[in-house]
Amino acid sequence: MTAFDTIEPAGNGKAQAAMPPKKSEIPDDMDMLRTAAELTRDISTARPEIYWPDMLVSATVGYATLAGAILAESTWVALTFAFISFVALYRALLFIHEITHLHRNALPGFRTAWNLLVGIPMLTPSLMYEQVHTIHHSRMRYGTPEDPEYLPLALMKPWSLPVFVLIALLAPIGLLIRWGVLAPIGLLIPAVRKFAWERLSSLSINPDFRRRPPETEEQRRWFAWQQVGASIWAMFLLTTPFWLGWKPLLVAMAIASTVAVFNQLRTLVAHLWENDGERMTVTAQYLDSVNVPNIVAGFWAPVGLRYHATHHLLPSLPYHSLHEAHKRISAKLGVESTYQGAIHAGMIPLVGKIARSTMGRRG
């Protein structure tokens, strides 16, 4: 029996088709959970020979082609460089997700290097995900109003989906204001500092989420230098039009906006967003999440994120092991297992599925 199995209620002597259970009513498939853990113990270590070159090459290519897009005189050459820069910087930025899940003693120096090379230059330091994303993986809070990264999008109005994606166009402007304007003002006005920390210092999609202060002195120090770095860099960027002209900043912001929108589109299809706010089992979280194993998905969901459902089963598994984990679990459990319930064909069918769910909620 899988987590999809339901009891057919009888009615007038005839079996009636059972409705699929609500996500919050799905029990844990303990066989799947045990199998996933047992089959992946030997591939659970983050490999520096993969992480470091991947991140460094992505960042180097991204910045080099960004410079090419700014300096190119031909429109087509500039657009080509801009596209390559977008792809590379998108991949480099998504290492923020891996950093959140890395054990503090894994890959010494990687967090700091990533922040200096990617997080702070793109005004998205790892503090915006650390101590926030782990809430999303909590069995007690995933899919509830306390989850910073969850909205019941499939249960909302149809207009909510394009708004959800397109609002990301404003991300570069928002980040410049957050770090270049509000951060220095917050040094003088505690109320501004409190507002900026609670509302504007996390990569969350839940508008009701309020971030709590750092819990330890170590966290405060770790987050403080990132805030200082991001603020200095943002203020520097805001001065560049006065001595470099507007083109460098506008090109960089256009590429950053493309990265933000594409990441928001990936986020839209990372889950089915069908939970109504109740607590869910790990299996229910898995089935509300998405695996798209095909190669094309590696472009729009890089750094292992095409196996987002498997990641929710095994949050600490490094990104380079998720493909192998998926193969092993699929082979062991078979095509009739609960595990197959989170596998989907691609981005377009997923967007269509979520959009159809909203169509009955017009208004």
Protein backbone atom coordinates (compact mmCIF):
# COMPACT_ATOMS: atom_id res chain seq x y z
CA MET A 1 0.00 0.00 0.00
CA THR A 2 1.25 3.49 -0.86
CA ALA A 3 0.41 6.92 0.52
CA PHE A 4 -1.92 7.37 -2.45
CA ASP A 5 -4.18 4.46 -1.47
CA THR A 6 -7.59 5.45 -0.17
CA ILE A 7 -10.59 3.56 1.10
CA GLU A 8 -13.58 3.42 -1.23
CA PRO A 9 -16.70 4.32 0.74
CA ALA A 10 -19.79 2.25 0.05
CA GLY A 11 -23.02 3.88 -1.05
CA ASN A 12 -26.25 2.06 -1.86
CA GLY A 13 -24.30 -1.16 -2.31
CA LYS A 14 -22.03 0.36 -4.93
CA ALA A 15 -18.36 1.29 -4.55
CA GLN A 16 -17.82 4.97 -4.98
CA ALA A 17 -14.57 6.42 -6.33
CA ALA A 18 -12.54 7.87 -3.50
CA MET A 19 -11.31 11.41 -3.69
CA PRO A 20 -7.55 11.91 -3.27
CA PRO A 21 -6.80 12.78 0.33
CA LYS A 22 -5.83 16.28 1.34
CA LYS A 23 -2.09 16.69 1.62
CA SER A 24 -2.39 17.15 5.37
CA GLU A 25 -4.15 13.76 5.63
CA ILE A 26 -1.44 11.72 3.89
CA PRO A 27 0.35 9.36 6.31
CA ASP A 28 4.06 8.70 6.24
CA ASP A 29 5.29 5.93 3.96
CA MET A 30 7.87 4.55 6.38
CA ASP A 31 9.23 2.07 3.83
CA MET A 32 10.07 4.91 1.45
CA LEU A 33 11.66 7.00 4.20
CA ARG A 34 13.81 4.11 5.44
CA THR A 35 14.84 3.10 1.94
CA ALA A 36 15.84 6.63 0.99
CA ALA A 37 18.04 6.97 4.07
CA GLU A 38 19.65 3.52 3.74
CA LEU A 39 20.46 3.80 0.04
CA THR A 40 22.21 7.17 0.29
CA ARG A 41 24.47 6.90 3.31
CA ASP A 42 27.55 6.39 1.15
CA ILE A 43 26.91 9.52 -0.98
CA SER A 44 26.06 11.96 1.77
CA THR A 45 29.40 13.80 1.94
CA ALA A 46 29.85 17.13 0.14
CA ARG A 47 32.78 16.83 -2.28
CA PRO A 48 34.99 19.93 -2.45
CA GLU A 49 36.39 18.88 -5.85
CA ILE A 50 32.87 19.42 -7.23
CA TYR A 51 31.61 22.37 -5.19
CA TRP A 52 34.60 24.68 -5.59
CA PRO A 53 35.17 24.44 -9.38
CA ASP A 54 31.44 24.58 -10.09
CA MET A 55 30.92 27.74 -8.06
CA LEU A 56 34.15 29.46 -9.14
CA VAL A 57 33.72 28.77 -12.86
CA SER A 58 30.06 29.86 -12.74
CA ALA A 59 30.94 33.13 -11.02
CA THR A 60 33.94 33.84 -13.27
CA VAL A 61 32.01 33.21 -16.48
CA GLY A 62 29.07 35.22 -15.16
CA TYR A 63 31.09 38.33 -14.36
CA ALA A 64 33.28 38.11 -17.46
CA THR A 65 30.27 37.95 -19.78
CA LEU A 66 28.52 40.68 -17.76
CA ALA A 67 31.50 42.90 -18.55
CA GLY A 68 31.25 41.80 -22.18
CA ALA A 69 27.56 42.74 -22.28
CA ILE A 70 28.37 46.20 -20.91
CA LEU A 71 31.31 46.84 -23.24
CA ALA A 72 29.98 45.28 -26.47
CA GLU A 73 29.05 47.73 -29.22
CA SER A 74 26.96 45.25 -31.19
CA THR A 75 23.46 44.64 -29.81
CA TRP A 76 23.54 40.95 -30.73
CA VAL A 77 26.94 40.45 -29.16
CA ALA A 78 25.75 42.24 -26.03
CA LEU A 79 22.61 40.06 -25.86
CA THR A 80 24.68 36.91 -26.31
CA PHE A 81 27.01 37.90 -23.50
CA ALA A 82 24.03 38.88 -21.35
CA PHE A 83 22.38 35.48 -21.85
CA ILE A 84 25.55 33.61 -20.90
CA SER A 85 25.99 35.87 -17.89
CA PHE A 86 22.41 35.18 -16.79
CA VAL A 87 22.88 31.40 -17.03
CA ALA A 88 26.19 31.43 -15.16
CA LEU A 89 25.17 33.88 -12.42
CA TYR A 90 21.87 32.06 -11.94
CA ARG A 91 23.78 28.86 -11.26
CA ALA A 92 26.32 30.61 -9.02
CA LEU A 93 23.57 32.31 -7.00
CA LEU A 94 21.68 29.06 -6.36
CA PHE A 95 24.58 27.77 -4.30
CA ILE A 96 22.95 29.80 -1.52
CA HIS A 97 20.59 26.84 -1.16
CA GLU A 98 23.47 24.39 -0.71
CA ILE A 99 25.18 26.68 1.79
CA THR A 100 22.07 26.66 3.96
CA HIS A 101 22.16 22.88 4.22
CA LEU A 102 25.93 22.38 4.55
CA HIS A 103 27.18 21.23 7.92
CA ARG A 104 29.23 23.99 9.52
CA ASN A 105 32.42 21.90 9.29
CA ALA A 106 31.90 20.82 5.67
CA LEU A 107 33.84 22.59 2.92
CA PRO A 108 35.92 25.00 5.04
CA GLY A 109 35.94 28.49 3.58
CA PHE A 110 33.22 27.83 1.00
CA ARG A 111 30.54 29.93 2.70
CA THR A 112 32.88 32.90 3.09
CA ALA A 113 34.19 32.62 -0.46
CA TRP A 114 30.70 32.36 -1.91
CA ASN A 115 29.56 35.43 0.00
CA LEU A 116 32.57 37.47 -1.14
CA LEU A 117 32.35 36.35 -4.78
CA VAL A 118 28.61 35.94 -5.33
CA GLY A 119 26.35 36.75 -2.38
CA ILE A 120 27.52 40.27 -1.60
CA PRO A 121 28.17 41.34 -5.25
CA MET A 122 24.63 40.19 -6.13
CA LEU A 123 23.26 41.78 -2.91
CA THR A 124 21.97 38.39 -1.77
CA PRO A 125 24.30 37.33 1.06
CA SER A 126 23.72 33.92 2.59
CA LEU A 127 22.17 35.49 5.72
CA MET A 128 19.05 35.96 3.62
CA TYR A 129 18.59 32.18 3.52
CA GLU A 130 20.41 30.87 6.56
CA GLN A 131 18.19 30.32 9.62
CA VAL A 132 15.21 30.92 7.30
CA HIS A 133 15.21 28.08 4.81
CA THR A 134 15.48 25.46 7.56
CA ILE A 135 12.00 26.53 8.75
CA HIS A 136 10.67 25.46 5.34
CA HIS A 137 11.98 21.94 6.01
CA SER A 138 10.47 21.66 9.46
CA ARG A 139 7.90 18.89 9.76
CA MET A 140 5.89 21.09 12.09
CA ARG A 141 5.94 24.22 9.93
CA TYR A 142 6.22 23.24 6.25
CA GLY A 143 3.16 24.47 4.37
CA THR A 144 1.73 26.27 7.40
CA PRO A 145 1.36 30.04 7.90
CA GLU A 146 4.71 29.93 9.74
CA ASP A 147 6.58 28.71 6.63
CA PRO A 148 8.45 31.66 5.05
CA GLU A 149 8.70 29.86 1.70
CA TYR A 150 5.16 28.63 1.22
CA LEU A 151 1.95 30.06 -0.17
CA PRO A 152 -1.06 27.91 -1.17
CA LEU A 153 -0.74 29.17 -4.76
CA ALA A 154 -2.83 26.34 -6.20
CA LEU A 155 -5.69 27.41 -3.92
CA MET A 156 -5.46 31.13 -4.73
CA LYS A 157 -6.95 33.30 -7.50
CA PRO A 158 -5.68 32.90 -11.12
CA TRP A 159 -4.13 36.38 -11.15
CA SER A 160 -1.88 35.43 -8.24
CA LEU A 161 0.41 33.32 -10.44
CA PRO A 162 1.60 36.02 -12.90
CA VAL A 163 1.87 38.51 -10.04
CA PHE A 164 3.96 36.00 -8.08
CA VAL A 165 6.42 35.62 -10.98
CA LEU A 166 6.55 39.18 -12.29
CA ILE A 167 7.04 40.83 -8.91
CA ALA A 168 10.56 39.42 -9.06
CA LEU A 169 11.38 41.97 -11.78
CA LEU A 170 11.66 44.52 -9.00
CA ALA A 171 14.11 42.47 -6.95
CA PRO A 172 17.31 44.36 -7.98
CA ILE A 173 15.69 47.72 -7.13
CA GLY A 174 14.47 46.34 -3.83
CA LEU A 175 17.90 44.98 -2.94
CA LEU A 176 19.59 48.28 -3.76
CA ILE A 177 17.13 50.10 -1.50
CA ARG A 178 17.43 47.45 1.25
CA TRP A 179 21.22 47.53 1.45
CA GLY A 180 22.13 50.92 0.00
CA VAL A 181 19.47 53.07 1.68
CA LEU A 182 17.70 51.33 4.57
CA ALA A 183 20.83 49.70 6.00
CA PRO A 184 22.73 52.97 6.62
CA ILE A 185 19.55 54.72 7.82
CA GLY A 186 18.97 51.79 10.17
CA LEU A 187 22.25 52.55 11.91
CA LEU A 188 20.65 55.78 13.14
CA ILE A 189 16.99 54.79 13.45
CA PRO A 190 16.30 51.54 15.35
CA ALA A 191 12.75 51.25 13.99
CA VAL A 192 14.06 51.19 10.41
CA ARG A 193 16.70 48.63 11.37
CA LYS A 194 14.05 46.41 12.99
CA PHE A 195 11.72 46.70 9.98
CA ALA A 196 14.50 45.93 7.51
CA TRP A 197 15.59 42.84 9.45
CA GLU A 198 12.12 41.42 10.03
CA ARG A 199 10.63 42.12 6.59
CA LEU A 200 13.48 42.59 4.10
CA SER A 201 16.29 40.27 5.17
CA SER A 202 15.06 36.89 4.00
CA LEU A 203 14.31 35.22 0.69
CA SER A 204 10.73 34.50 1.68
CA ILE A 205 7.50 34.51 -0.29
CA ASN A 206 5.10 34.50 2.65
CA PRO A 207 4.17 38.18 3.24
CA ASP A 208 3.22 37.43 6.85
CA PHE A 209 6.66 36.07 7.76
CA ARG A 210 8.65 38.09 10.29
CA ARG A 211 12.26 37.16 10.81
CA ARG A 212 13.49 36.77 14.37
CA PRO A 213 16.81 38.22 15.59
CA PRO A 214 19.94 35.99 15.47
CA GLU A 215 19.94 33.52 18.33
CA THR A 216 23.66 33.41 19.15
CA GLU A 217 26.59 35.77 19.24
CA GLU A 218 28.29 33.71 16.52
CA GLN A 219 25.29 34.21 14.24
CA ARG A 220 25.23 37.93 14.96
CA ARG A 221 28.89 38.29 13.98
CA TRP A 222 28.47 36.10 10.88
CA PHE A 223 25.46 38.08 9.70
CA ALA A 224 26.92 41.46 10.66
CA TRP A 225 29.88 41.35 8.29
CA GLN A 226 27.62 40.26 5.44
CA GLN A 227 25.30 43.18 6.11
CA VAL A 228 28.21 45.63 6.18
CA GLY A 229 29.62 44.20 2.95
CA ALA A 230 26.28 44.27 1.14
CA SER A 231 25.59 47.82 2.32
CA ILE A 232 28.98 49.16 1.21
CA TRP A 233 28.65 47.45 -2.17
CA ALA A 234 25.09 48.72 -2.71
CA MET A 235 26.09 52.29 -1.89
CA PHE A 236 29.03 51.97 -4.29
CA LEU A 237 26.71 50.74 -7.06
CA LEU A 238 24.38 53.69 -6.49
CA THR A 239 27.29 56.07 -7.17
CA THR A 240 28.39 54.46 -10.44
CA PRO A 241 26.00 56.40 -12.73
CA PHE A 242 27.75 59.63 -11.71
CA TRP A 243 31.16 58.53 -12.96
CA LEU A 244 30.52 55.52 -15.24
CA GLY A 245 27.20 56.55 -16.74
CA TRP A 246 23.96 54.59 -16.45
CA LYS A 247 24.74 51.74 -18.83
CA PRO A 248 26.81 49.48 -16.50
CA LEU A 249 24.25 49.63 -13.69
CA LEU A 250 21.25 49.20 -15.98
CA VAL A 251 22.76 46.22 -17.81
CA ALA A 252 23.70 44.58 -14.52
CA MET A 253 20.21 45.20 -13.13
CA ALA A 254 18.58 43.79 -16.28
CA ILE A 255 20.57 40.57 -15.94
CA ALA A 256 19.85 40.43 -12.21
CA SER A 257 16.13 40.90 -12.92
CA THR A 258 16.22 38.02 -15.40
CA VAL A 259 17.90 35.84 -12.79
CA ALA A 260 15.27 36.82 -10.22
CA VAL A 261 12.30 36.17 -12.52
CA PHE A 262 13.68 32.84 -13.67
CA ASN A 263 14.31 31.79 -10.09
CA GLN A 264 10.76 32.82 -9.18
CA LEU A 265 9.44 30.72 -12.07
CA ARG A 266 11.53 27.78 -10.81
CA THR A 267 10.11 28.38 -7.33
CA LEU A 268 6.59 28.31 -8.78
CA VAL A 269 7.11 24.74 -9.99
CA ALA A 270 9.22 23.52 -7.04
CA HIS A 271 6.01 22.52 -5.21
CA LEU A 272 2.38 21.86 -6.04
CA TRP A 273 1.32 24.41 -3.38
CA GLU A 274 -1.79 22.42 -2.49
CA ASN A 275 -1.63 22.53 1.29
CA ASP A 276 -4.28 24.53 3.11
CA GLY A 277 -2.14 25.46 6.12
CA GLU A 278 -2.34 22.25 8.13
CA ARG A 279 0.73 20.36 9.33
CA MET A 280 1.99 17.64 7.00
CA THR A 281 3.99 14.44 7.29
CA VAL A 282 7.36 14.12 5.57
CA THR A 283 5.71 11.97 2.90
CA ALA A 284 3.05 14.63 2.32
CA GLN A 285 5.78 17.26 2.00
CA TYR A 286 7.49 15.02 -0.53
CA LEU A 287 4.32 14.58 -2.59
CA ASP A 288 3.68 18.34 -2.49
CA SER A 289 7.20 18.83 -3.91
CA VAL A 290 8.48 18.18 -7.41
CA ASN A 291 11.08 16.04 -9.18
CA VAL A 292 11.72 16.67 -12.88
CA PRO A 293 14.50 14.20 -13.77
CA ASN A 294 14.92 15.15 -17.44
CA ILE A 295 18.11 16.83 -18.62
CA VAL A 296 16.38 20.06 -19.74
CA ALA A 297 15.30 20.68 -16.15
CA GLY A 298 18.97 20.92 -15.22
CA PHE A 299 19.01 24.27 -17.05
CA TRP A 300 16.07 25.92 -15.27
CA ALA A 301 16.62 24.08 -11.96
CA PRO A 302 20.43 23.74 -11.64
CA VAL A 303 22.54 22.73 -8.65
CA GLY A 304 20.36 19.68 -8.00
CA LEU A 305 17.07 21.58 -7.74
CA ARG A 306 15.39 19.47 -10.42
CA TYR A 307 15.22 16.85 -7.66
CA HIS A 308 13.47 19.15 -5.22
CA ALA A 309 11.17 16.45 -3.86
CA THR A 310 14.07 14.08 -3.21
CA HIS A 311 15.80 16.97 -1.49
CA HIS A 312 12.83 17.26 0.87
CA LEU A 313 13.27 13.57 1.72
CA LEU A 314 17.02 14.00 2.26
CA PRO A 315 17.72 17.69 3.00
CA SER A 316 21.38 17.23 3.93
CA LEU A 317 22.29 15.27 0.78
CA PRO A 318 24.67 17.35 -1.39
CA TYR A 319 23.41 18.45 -4.78
CA HIS A 320 25.86 16.30 -6.72
CA SER A 321 24.39 13.15 -5.12
CA LEU A 322 20.71 13.78 -5.82
CA HIS A 323 20.68 12.24 -9.30
CA GLU A 324 22.26 9.03 -8.03
CA ALA A 325 19.91 9.01 -5.04
CA HIS A 326 16.93 9.34 -7.36
CA LYS A 327 18.10 6.44 -9.50
CA ARG A 328 18.71 4.16 -6.52
CA ILE A 329 15.41 4.90 -4.79
CA SER A 330 13.40 4.57 -8.01
CA ALA A 331 15.01 1.22 -8.84
CA LYS A 332 14.50 -0.14 -5.34
CA LEU A 333 10.89 0.93 -4.80
CA GLY A 334 9.54 0.46 -8.33
CA VAL A 335 7.06 2.29 -10.50
CA GLU A 336 4.03 1.68 -8.23
CA SER A 337 5.61 3.24 -5.15
CA THR A 338 4.77 6.48 -3.39
CA TYR A 339 8.14 7.78 -4.57
CA GLN A 340 6.87 8.00 -8.15
CA GLY A 341 4.10 10.38 -7.07
CA ALA A 342 6.43 13.40 -7.02
CA ILE A 343 7.88 12.87 -10.51
CA HIS A 344 6.64 15.28 -13.17
CA ALA A 345 7.30 15.84 -16.87
CA GLY A 346 8.52 19.42 -16.94
CA MET A 347 7.97 23.10 -16.20
CA ILE A 348 5.16 23.75 -18.69
CA PRO A 349 2.94 20.85 -17.51
CA LEU A 350 3.54 21.92 -13.90
CA VAL A 351 2.59 25.54 -14.56
CA GLY A 352 -0.52 24.26 -16.35
CA LYS A 353 -1.43 22.01 -13.43
CA ILE A 354 -1.14 24.81 -10.87
CA ALA A 355 -2.96 27.26 -13.16
CA ARG A 356 -5.86 24.83 -13.63
CA SER A 357 -6.13 24.48 -9.86
CA THR A 358 -6.71 28.22 -9.58
CA MET A 359 -9.35 28.45 -12.32
CA GLY A 360 -12.20 27.60 -9.99
CA ARG A 361 -11.25 30.53 -7.79
CA ARG A 362 -11.89 33.47 -10.09
CA GLY A 363 -12.58 36.88 -8.71
